[in-house]
């Protein structure tokens, strides 16, 4: 099945990539571990650490964890392998992840859209600013009152869809570019490569990708997921289902 997927990528004229939560490093709050709250499995860790109710300082720790991941990390290596497989073909990538690791790979930033936001940025409702210096000051002093917008002085929160008041304008220009690119894929040999996308926000990647595959008679959907690789019945003969961790799939192929 893996070889069939690689052949489909090779035969394609254009590549549409969807990146999901299985493509992001699992973060565990070190303070929770110190309190004996660490989970016994990776799946349980995801349930504990990905909750929307995390405190601002917990999110600061998570943001710094992502930023400190080394260049040789397997996730970045998998992104680089993906870029090798794409080669010179036109492509666009949609990522659900907020870890920003995709931007540290060889994939072109201008061909990536992240509609769920970024743990590397903060927002106040009017402005979006880099998180780095403010985040580090909060962690150093344990004083969350330092998290104020340098432009207007309003309180800041992380720029992710998990928060109310999420500023969609942070990604909308790139989303518009993506939708225009997608229009150009009709009646082209399109390989839709979906990597580790679950059901957290299925309306962003999972369902639209299935719809694109259904209406494009020349499209092939490759769904790589360790938990939910199933394909819709309507895509019989047009899809490839692989039950595997997408990072391992790329780094070992």
C-alpha atoms as a PDB file:
ATOM      1  CA  UNK A   1       0.000   0.000   0.000  1.00  0.00           C
ATOM      2  CA  UNK A   2       2.873   2.334   0.806  1.00  0.00           C
ATOM      3  CA  UNK A   3       4.356   1.780  -2.651  1.00  0.00           C
ATOM      4  CA  UNK A   4       0.980   2.482  -4.250  1.00  0.00           C
ATOM      5  CA  UNK A   5       0.881   5.781  -2.379  1.00  0.00           C
ATOM      6  CA  UNK A   6       4.392   6.708  -3.488  1.00  0.00           C
ATOM      7  CA  UNK A   7       3.470   5.872  -7.091  1.00  0.00           C
ATOM      8  CA  UNK A   8       0.403   8.140  -6.837  1.00  0.00           C
ATOM      9  CA  UNK A   9       2.576  11.007  -5.594  1.00  0.00           C
ATOM     10  CA  UNK A  10       5.040  10.426  -8.420  1.00  0.00           C
ATOM     11  CA  UNK A  11       2.305  10.308 -11.066  1.00  0.00           C
ATOM     12  CA  UNK A  12       0.534  13.476  -9.880  1.00  0.00           C
ATOM     13  CA  UNK A  13       0.666  16.831 -11.628  1.00  0.00           C
ATOM     14  CA  UNK A  14      -0.175  18.756  -8.434  1.00  0.00           C
ATOM     15  CA  UNK A  15      -0.013  17.945  -4.715  1.00  0.00           C
ATOM     16  CA  UNK A  16      -2.410  19.079  -1.985  1.00  0.00           C
ATOM     17  CA  UNK A  17      -1.139  18.356   1.533  1.00  0.00           C
ATOM     18  CA  UNK A  18      -3.093  18.339   4.783  1.00  0.00           C
ATOM     19  CA  UNK A  19      -1.224  18.185   8.086  1.00  0.00           C
ATOM     20  CA  UNK A  20      -2.979  17.113  11.290  1.00  0.00           C
ATOM     21  CA  UNK A  21      -2.329  16.676  14.977  1.00  0.00           C
ATOM     22  CA  UNK A  22      -0.458  13.380  14.578  1.00  0.00           C
ATOM     23  CA  UNK A  23       2.254  15.425  12.883  1.00  0.00           C
ATOM     24  CA  UNK A  24       2.967  17.520  15.991  1.00  0.00           C
ATOM     25  CA  UNK A  25       5.255  16.597  18.907  1.00  0.00           C
ATOM     26  CA  UNK A  26       3.399  15.602  22.059  1.00  0.00           C
ATOM     27  CA  UNK A  27       3.936  18.165  24.807  1.00  0.00           C
ATOM     28  CA  UNK A  28       3.531  17.322  28.474  1.00  0.00           C
ATOM     29  CA  UNK A  29       3.504  20.062  31.084  1.00  0.00           C
ATOM     30  CA  UNK A  30       6.670  19.426  33.149  1.00  0.00           C
ATOM     31  CA  UNK A  31       4.999  20.941  36.206  1.00  0.00           C
ATOM     32  CA  UNK A  32       2.182  18.405  35.901  1.00  0.00           C
ATOM     33  CA  UNK A  33       4.740  15.599  35.670  1.00  0.00           C
ATOM     34  CA  UNK A  34       6.397  16.877  38.834  1.00  0.00           C
ATOM     35  CA  UNK A  35       2.999  16.643  40.544  1.00  0.00           C
ATOM     36  CA  UNK A  36       2.631  13.044  39.393  1.00  0.00           C
ATOM     37  CA  UNK A  37      -0.046  13.852  36.827  1.00  0.00           C
ATOM     38  CA  UNK A  38       1.755  12.426  33.792  1.00  0.00           C
ATOM     39  CA  UNK A  39      -0.310  10.029  31.680  1.00  0.00           C
ATOM     40  CA  UNK A  40       0.506   6.423  31.014  1.00  0.00           C
ATOM     41  CA  UNK A  41       0.098   6.597  27.250  1.00  0.00           C
ATOM     42  CA  UNK A  42       0.688   9.046  24.423  1.00  0.00           C
ATOM     43  CA  UNK A  43      -3.027   9.196  23.680  1.00  0.00           C
ATOM     44  CA  UNK A  44      -3.785  10.126  27.298  1.00  0.00           C
ATOM     45  CA  UNK A  45      -1.045  12.755  27.207  1.00  0.00           C
ATOM     46  CA  UNK A  46      -2.712  14.367  24.227  1.00  0.00           C
ATOM     47  CA  UNK A  47      -6.014  14.460  26.085  1.00  0.00           C
ATOM     48  CA  UNK A  48      -4.442  16.133  29.118  1.00  0.00           C
ATOM     49  CA  UNK A  49      -2.192  18.651  27.411  1.00  0.00           C
ATOM     50  CA  UNK A  50      -4.337  19.713  24.476  1.00  0.00           C
ATOM     51  CA  UNK A  51      -7.270  20.874  26.564  1.00  0.00           C
ATOM     52  CA  UNK A  52      -8.498  24.389  25.844  1.00  0.00           C
ATOM     53  CA  UNK A  53      -8.478  25.188  29.580  1.00  0.00           C
ATOM     54  CA  UNK A  54      -4.696  25.461  29.872  1.00  0.00           C
ATOM     55  CA  UNK A  55      -3.438  28.445  31.834  1.00  0.00           C
ATOM     56  CA  UNK A  56      -1.496  31.212  30.123  1.00  0.00           C
ATOM     57  CA  UNK A  57       1.733  30.093  31.791  1.00  0.00           C
ATOM     58  CA  UNK A  58       1.159  26.510  30.625  1.00  0.00           C
ATOM     59  CA  UNK A  59       0.728  27.822  27.101  1.00  0.00           C
ATOM     60  CA  UNK A  60       3.936  29.829  27.494  1.00  0.00           C
ATOM     61  CA  UNK A  61       5.767  26.629  28.413  1.00  0.00           C
ATOM     62  CA  UNK A  62       4.238  24.846  25.430  1.00  0.00           C
ATOM     63  CA  UNK A  63       5.221  27.692  23.098  1.00  0.00           C
ATOM     64  CA  UNK A  64       8.811  27.611  24.314  1.00  0.00           C
ATOM     65  CA  UNK A  65       8.886  23.813  24.004  1.00  0.00           C
ATOM     66  CA  UNK A  66       7.977  24.059  20.324  1.00  0.00           C
ATOM     67  CA  UNK A  67      10.513  26.819  19.734  1.00  0.00           C
ATOM     68  CA  UNK A  68      13.304  24.807  21.361  1.00  0.00           C
ATOM     69  CA  UNK A  69      12.813  21.673  19.247  1.00  0.00           C
ATOM     70  CA  UNK A  70      16.131  20.938  17.447  1.00  0.00           C
ATOM     71  CA  UNK A  71      16.506  20.975  13.677  1.00  0.00           C
ATOM     72  CA  UNK A  72      17.197  17.219  13.614  1.00  0.00           C
ATOM     73  CA  UNK A  73      13.831  16.382  15.231  1.00  0.00           C
ATOM     74  CA  UNK A  74      11.861  13.653  13.460  1.00  0.00           C
ATOM     75  CA  UNK A  75       8.943  15.975  12.685  1.00  0.00           C
ATOM     76  CA  UNK A  76      11.167  18.442  10.814  1.00  0.00           C
ATOM     77  CA  UNK A  77      12.894  15.511   9.101  1.00  0.00           C
ATOM     78  CA  UNK A  78       9.488  14.228   7.972  1.00  0.00           C
ATOM     79  CA  UNK A  79       8.579  17.636   6.541  1.00  0.00           C
ATOM     80  CA  UNK A  80      11.879  17.705   4.649  1.00  0.00           C
ATOM     81  CA  UNK A  81      11.219  14.215   3.291  1.00  0.00           C
ATOM     82  CA  UNK A  82       7.767  15.366   2.174  1.00  0.00           C
ATOM     83  CA  UNK A  83       9.383  18.239   0.295  1.00  0.00           C
ATOM     84  CA  UNK A  84      11.697  15.767  -1.451  1.00  0.00           C
ATOM     85  CA  UNK A  85       8.752  13.623  -2.540  1.00  0.00           C
ATOM     86  CA  UNK A  86       6.897  16.637  -3.939  1.00  0.00           C
ATOM     87  CA  UNK A  87       9.874  17.648  -6.054  1.00  0.00           C
ATOM     88  CA  UNK A  88       9.110  20.271  -8.696  1.00  0.00           C
ATOM     89  CA  UNK A  89       5.330  19.713  -8.697  1.00  0.00           C
ATOM     90  CA  UNK A  90       3.053  22.632  -7.754  1.00  0.00           C
ATOM     91  CA  UNK A  91       1.776  22.142  -4.207  1.00  0.00           C
ATOM     92  CA  UNK A  92       0.029  23.757  -1.289  1.00  0.00           C
ATOM     93  CA  UNK A  93      -0.073  22.655   2.361  1.00  0.00           C
ATOM     94  CA  UNK A  94      -2.795  23.236   4.941  1.00  0.00           C
ATOM     95  CA  UNK A  95      -1.775  22.560   8.535  1.00  0.00           C
ATOM     96  CA  UNK A  96      -3.971  22.218  11.609  1.00  0.00           C
ATOM     97  CA  UNK A  97      -0.967  22.496  13.884  1.00  0.00           C
ATOM     98  CA  UNK A  98       0.086  25.581  15.793  1.00  0.00           C
ATOM     99  CA  UNK A  99       3.675  24.506  16.570  1.00  0.00           C
ATOM    100  CA  UNK A 100       5.172  26.372  13.552  1.00  0.00           C
ATOM    101  CA  UNK A 101       7.581  23.494  12.831  1.00  0.00           C
ATOM    102  CA  UNK A 102       6.452  23.373   9.222  1.00  0.00           C
ATOM    103  CA  UNK A 103       8.026  26.810   8.738  1.00  0.00           C
ATOM    104  CA  UNK A 104      11.392  25.462   9.892  1.00  0.00           C
ATOM    105  CA  UNK A 105      11.420  22.820   7.153  1.00  0.00           C
ATOM    106  CA  UNK A 106      12.271  23.021   3.459  1.00  0.00           C
ATOM    107  CA  UNK A 107       8.617  23.575   2.555  1.00  0.00           C
ATOM    108  CA  UNK A 108       8.077  27.102   1.228  1.00  0.00           C
ATOM    109  CA  UNK A 109       6.374  29.358   3.765  1.00  0.00           C
ATOM    110  CA  UNK A 110       4.416  31.081   1.005  1.00  0.00           C
ATOM    111  CA  UNK A 111       2.798  27.743   0.097  1.00  0.00           C
ATOM    112  CA  UNK A 112       1.544  26.941   3.602  1.00  0.00           C
ATOM    113  CA  UNK A 113      -1.575  28.129   5.414  1.00  0.00           C
ATOM    114  CA  UNK A 114      -2.205  27.581   9.136  1.00  0.00           C
ATOM    115  CA  UNK A 115      -5.869  28.415   9.837  1.00  0.00           C
ATOM    116  CA  UNK A 116      -5.668  27.360  13.493  1.00  0.00           C
ATOM    117  CA  UNK A 117      -3.087  29.983  14.385  1.00  0.00           C
ATOM    118  CA  UNK A 118       0.354  29.883  15.961  1.00  0.00           C
ATOM    119  CA  UNK A 119       1.832  29.307  19.407  1.00  0.00           C
ATOM    120  CA  UNK A 120       4.599  31.629  18.287  1.00  0.00           C
ATOM    121  CA  UNK A 121       2.276  34.652  18.257  1.00  0.00           C
ATOM    122  CA  UNK A 122       0.043  36.544  20.681  1.00  0.00           C
ATOM    123  CA  UNK A 123      -3.069  38.609  20.036  1.00  0.00           C
ATOM    124  CA  UNK A 124      -4.969  41.306  21.889  1.00  0.00           C
ATOM    125  CA  UNK A 125      -8.015  41.583  19.641  1.00  0.00           C
ATOM    126  CA  UNK A 126      -6.527  44.399  17.588  1.00  0.00           C
ATOM    127  CA  UNK A 127      -2.919  43.346  16.976  1.00  0.00           C
ATOM    128  CA  UNK A 128      -0.939  40.149  16.441  1.00  0.00           C
ATOM    129  CA  UNK A 129       2.595  40.212  17.850  1.00  0.00           C
ATOM    130  CA  UNK A 130       5.512  37.740  18.233  1.00  0.00           C
ATOM    131  CA  UNK A 131       5.296  35.740  21.444  1.00  0.00           C
ATOM    132  CA  UNK A 132       9.003  35.260  22.185  1.00  0.00           C
ATOM    133  CA  UNK A 133      10.128  38.127  24.429  1.00  0.00           C
ATOM    134  CA  UNK A 134       6.786  38.576  26.188  1.00  0.00           C
ATOM    135  CA  UNK A 135       6.417  34.833  26.780  1.00  0.00           C
ATOM    136  CA  UNK A 136       9.929  34.522  28.187  1.00  0.00           C
ATOM    137  CA  UNK A 137       9.393  37.516  30.486  1.00  0.00           C
ATOM    138  CA  UNK A 138       6.217  35.938  31.880  1.00  0.00           C
ATOM    139  CA  UNK A 139       7.977  32.626  32.479  1.00  0.00           C
ATOM    140  CA  UNK A 140      10.974  34.308  34.108  1.00  0.00           C
ATOM    141  CA  UNK A 141       8.961  36.468  36.491  1.00  0.00           C
ATOM    142  CA  UNK A 142       5.823  34.302  36.832  1.00  0.00           C
ATOM    143  CA  UNK A 143       3.956  37.562  36.274  1.00  0.00           C
ATOM    144  CA  UNK A 144       1.170  37.270  33.712  1.00  0.00           C
ATOM    145  CA  UNK A 145       0.454  40.997  33.931  1.00  0.00           C
ATOM    146  CA  UNK A 146       3.481  41.464  31.643  1.00  0.00           C
ATOM    147  CA  UNK A 147       1.495  39.924  28.790  1.00  0.00           C
ATOM    148  CA  UNK A 148       0.191  43.177  27.357  1.00  0.00           C
ATOM    149  CA  UNK A 149       0.202  44.360  23.770  1.00  0.00           C
ATOM    150  CA  UNK A 150       3.181  46.622  22.992  1.00  0.00           C
ATOM    151  CA  UNK A 151       0.969  48.496  20.527  1.00  0.00           C
ATOM    152  CA  UNK A 152      -2.060  49.316  22.689  1.00  0.00           C
ATOM    153  CA  UNK A 153      -1.493  47.927  26.182  1.00  0.00           C
ATOM    154  CA  UNK A 154      -4.396  45.472  26.081  1.00  0.00           C
ATOM    155  CA  UNK A 155      -4.026  41.962  27.615  1.00  0.00           C
ATOM    156  CA  UNK A 156      -2.648  39.278  25.324  1.00  0.00           C
ATOM    157  CA  UNK A 157      -3.531  35.659  24.702  1.00  0.00           C
ATOM    158  CA  UNK A 158      -2.040  33.149  22.307  1.00  0.00           C
ATOM    159  CA  UNK A 159      -3.104  33.499  18.698  1.00  0.00           C
ATOM    160  CA  UNK A 160      -4.815  30.132  18.292  1.00  0.00           C
ATOM    161  CA  UNK A 161      -8.332  29.036  17.425  1.00  0.00           C
ATOM    162  CA  UNK A 162      -8.669  27.568  20.935  1.00  0.00           C
ATOM    163  CA  UNK A 163      -9.306  31.079  22.276  1.00  0.00           C
ATOM    164  CA  UNK A 164     -12.435  33.163  21.932  1.00  0.00           C
ATOM    165  CA  UNK A 165     -11.889  36.227  19.798  1.00  0.00           C
ATOM    166  CA  UNK A 166      -9.398  34.392  17.578  1.00  0.00           C
ATOM    167  CA  UNK A 167      -8.189  36.871  14.949  1.00  0.00           C
ATOM    168  CA  UNK A 168      -8.745  35.080  11.647  1.00  0.00           C
ATOM    169  CA  UNK A 169      -7.142  37.927   9.729  1.00  0.00           C
ATOM    170  CA  UNK A 170      -3.834  36.404  10.744  1.00  0.00           C
ATOM    171  CA  UNK A 171      -4.267  33.636   8.173  1.00  0.00           C
ATOM    172  CA  UNK A 172      -6.981  34.861   5.777  1.00  0.00           C
ATOM    173  CA  UNK A 173      -4.643  36.367   3.112  1.00  0.00           C
ATOM    174  CA  UNK A 174      -2.858  33.038   2.827  1.00  0.00           C
ATOM    175  CA  UNK A 175      -6.165  31.149   2.854  1.00  0.00           C
ATOM    176  CA  UNK A 176      -7.359  33.228  -0.099  1.00  0.00           C
ATOM    177  CA  UNK A 177      -4.187  32.290  -1.967  1.00  0.00           C
ATOM    178  CA  UNK A 178      -4.819  28.631  -1.133  1.00  0.00           C
ATOM    179  CA  UNK A 179      -8.408  28.673  -2.412  1.00  0.00           C
ATOM    180  CA  UNK A 180      -7.305  30.269  -5.679  1.00  0.00           C
ATOM    181  CA  UNK A 181      -4.614  27.598  -6.051  1.00  0.00           C
ATOM    182  CA  UNK A 182      -7.191  24.891  -5.365  1.00  0.00           C
ATOM    183  CA  UNK A 183      -9.371  26.135  -8.218  1.00  0.00           C
ATOM    184  CA  UNK A 184      -6.492  25.408 -10.582  1.00  0.00           C
ATOM    185  CA  UNK A 185      -6.441  21.711  -9.624  1.00  0.00           C
ATOM    186  CA  UNK A 186      -9.727  20.838 -11.348  1.00  0.00           C
ATOM    187  CA  UNK A 187      -9.258  18.190 -14.057  1.00  0.00           C
ATOM    188  CA  UNK A 188      -5.569  17.867 -13.157  1.00  0.00           C
ATOM    189  CA  UNK A 189      -3.938  14.732 -11.784  1.00  0.00           C
ATOM    190  CA  UNK A 190      -4.145  15.849  -8.167  1.00  0.00           C
ATOM    191  CA  UNK A 191      -2.638  13.852  -5.325  1.00  0.00           C
ATOM    192  CA  UNK A 192      -4.311  14.751  -2.035  1.00  0.00           C
ATOM    193  CA  UNK A 193      -1.977  13.683   0.751  1.00  0.00           C
ATOM    194  CA  UNK A 194      -3.609  13.835   4.179  1.00  0.00           C
ATOM    195  CA  UNK A 195      -1.210  13.207   7.049  1.00  0.00           C
ATOM    196  CA  UNK A 196      -2.445  12.559  10.577  1.00  0.00           C
ATOM    197  CA  UNK A 197      -5.658  14.579  10.375  1.00  0.00           C
ATOM    198  CA  UNK A 198      -8.299  13.612  12.919  1.00  0.00           C
ATOM    199  CA  UNK A 199     -11.731  14.975  13.795  1.00  0.00           C
ATOM    200  CA  UNK A 200     -10.869  17.998  15.926  1.00  0.00           C
ATOM    201  CA  UNK A 201     -11.816  20.416  13.133  1.00  0.00           C
ATOM    202  CA  UNK A 202     -12.895  18.114  10.275  1.00  0.00           C
ATOM    203  CA  UNK A 203     -14.425  21.021   8.349  1.00  0.00           C
ATOM    204  CA  UNK A 204     -10.951  22.470   7.721  1.00  0.00           C
ATOM    205  CA  UNK A 205      -9.157  19.552   6.047  1.00  0.00           C
ATOM    206  CA  UNK A 206     -10.757  16.132   6.350  1.00  0.00           C
ATOM    207  CA  UNK A 207     -14.203  16.825   4.863  1.00  0.00           C
ATOM    208  CA  UNK A 208     -13.098  19.392   2.236  1.00  0.00           C
ATOM    209  CA  UNK A 209     -10.323  17.096   1.037  1.00  0.00           C
ATOM    210  CA  UNK A 210     -12.829  14.280   0.570  1.00  0.00           C
ATOM    211  CA  UNK A 211     -15.084  16.650  -1.369  1.00  0.00           C
ATOM    212  CA  UNK A 212     -12.198  17.747  -3.596  1.00  0.00           C
ATOM    213  CA  UNK A 213     -11.290  14.126  -4.297  1.00  0.00           C
ATOM    214  CA  UNK A 214     -14.909  13.280  -5.114  1.00  0.00           C
ATOM    215  CA  UNK A 215     -15.443  16.081  -7.653  1.00  0.00           C
ATOM    216  CA  UNK A 216     -12.037  15.880  -9.342  1.00  0.00           C
ATOM    217  CA  UNK A 217     -12.205  12.780 -11.511  1.00  0.00           C
ATOM    218  CA  UNK A 218      -8.411  12.651 -11.746  1.00  0.00           C
ATOM    219  CA  UNK A 219      -7.736  13.016  -8.022  1.00  0.00           C
ATOM    220  CA  UNK A 220      -6.385  10.428  -5.597  1.00  0.00           C
ATOM    221  CA  UNK A 221      -6.723  10.828  -1.832  1.00  0.00           C
ATOM    222  CA  UNK A 222      -4.033   9.250   0.344  1.00  0.00           C
ATOM    223  CA  UNK A 223      -5.060   9.205   4.009  1.00  0.00           C
ATOM    224  CA  UNK A 224      -2.283   8.287   6.452  1.00  0.00           C
ATOM    225  CA  UNK A 225      -3.460   8.071  10.048  1.00  0.00           C
ATOM    226  CA  UNK A 226      -2.659   5.732  12.925  1.00  0.00           C
ATOM    227  CA  UNK A 227      -6.210   5.936  14.334  1.00  0.00           C
ATOM    228  CA  UNK A 228      -8.649   7.138  11.647  1.00  0.00           C
ATOM    229  CA  UNK A 229      -7.460   6.109   8.160  1.00  0.00           C
ATOM    230  CA  UNK A 230     -10.952   5.191   6.950  1.00  0.00           C
ATOM    231  CA  UNK A 231     -12.208   6.616   3.663  1.00  0.00           C
ATOM    232  CA  UNK A 232     -15.744   7.552   2.665  1.00  0.00           C
ATOM    233  CA  UNK A 233     -17.549   4.969   0.535  1.00  0.00           C
ATOM    234  CA  UNK A 234     -17.978   7.561  -2.194  1.00  0.00           C
ATOM    235  CA  UNK A 235     -14.197   7.484  -2.710  1.00  0.00           C
ATOM    236  CA  UNK A 236     -14.012   3.778  -3.501  1.00  0.00           C
ATOM    237  CA  UNK A 237     -11.320   3.299  -6.113  1.00  0.00           C
ATOM    238  CA  UNK A 238     -10.026   6.851  -5.646  1.00  0.00           C
ATOM    239  CA  UNK A 239      -8.471   6.584  -2.218  1.00  0.00           C
ATOM    240  CA  UNK A 240      -5.599   4.905  -0.432  1.00  0.00           C
ATOM    241  CA  UNK A 241      -5.946   4.245   3.286  1.00  0.00           C
ATOM    242  CA  UNK A 242      -2.800   3.676   5.361  1.00  0.00           C
ATOM    243  CA  UNK A 243      -3.010   2.941   9.081  1.00  0.00           C
ATOM    244  CA  UNK A 244       0.348   4.271  10.178  1.00  0.00           C
ATOM    245  CA  UNK A 245       1.901   7.182  11.991  1.00  0.00           C
ATOM    246  CA  UNK A 246       2.449   9.784   9.221  1.00  0.00           C
ATOM    247  CA  UNK A 247       5.880  10.776  10.529  1.00  0.00           C
ATOM    248  CA  UNK A 248       7.079   7.190  10.353  1.00  0.00           C
ATOM    249  CA  UNK A 249       5.453   6.753   6.952  1.00  0.00           C
ATOM    250  CA  UNK A 250       7.481   9.633   5.511  1.00  0.00           C
ATOM    251  CA  UNK A 251      10.792   9.049   7.254  1.00  0.00           C
ATOM    252  CA  UNK A 252      10.835   5.351   6.398  1.00  0.00           C
ATOM    253  CA  UNK A 253       9.666   5.523   2.795  1.00  0.00           C
END
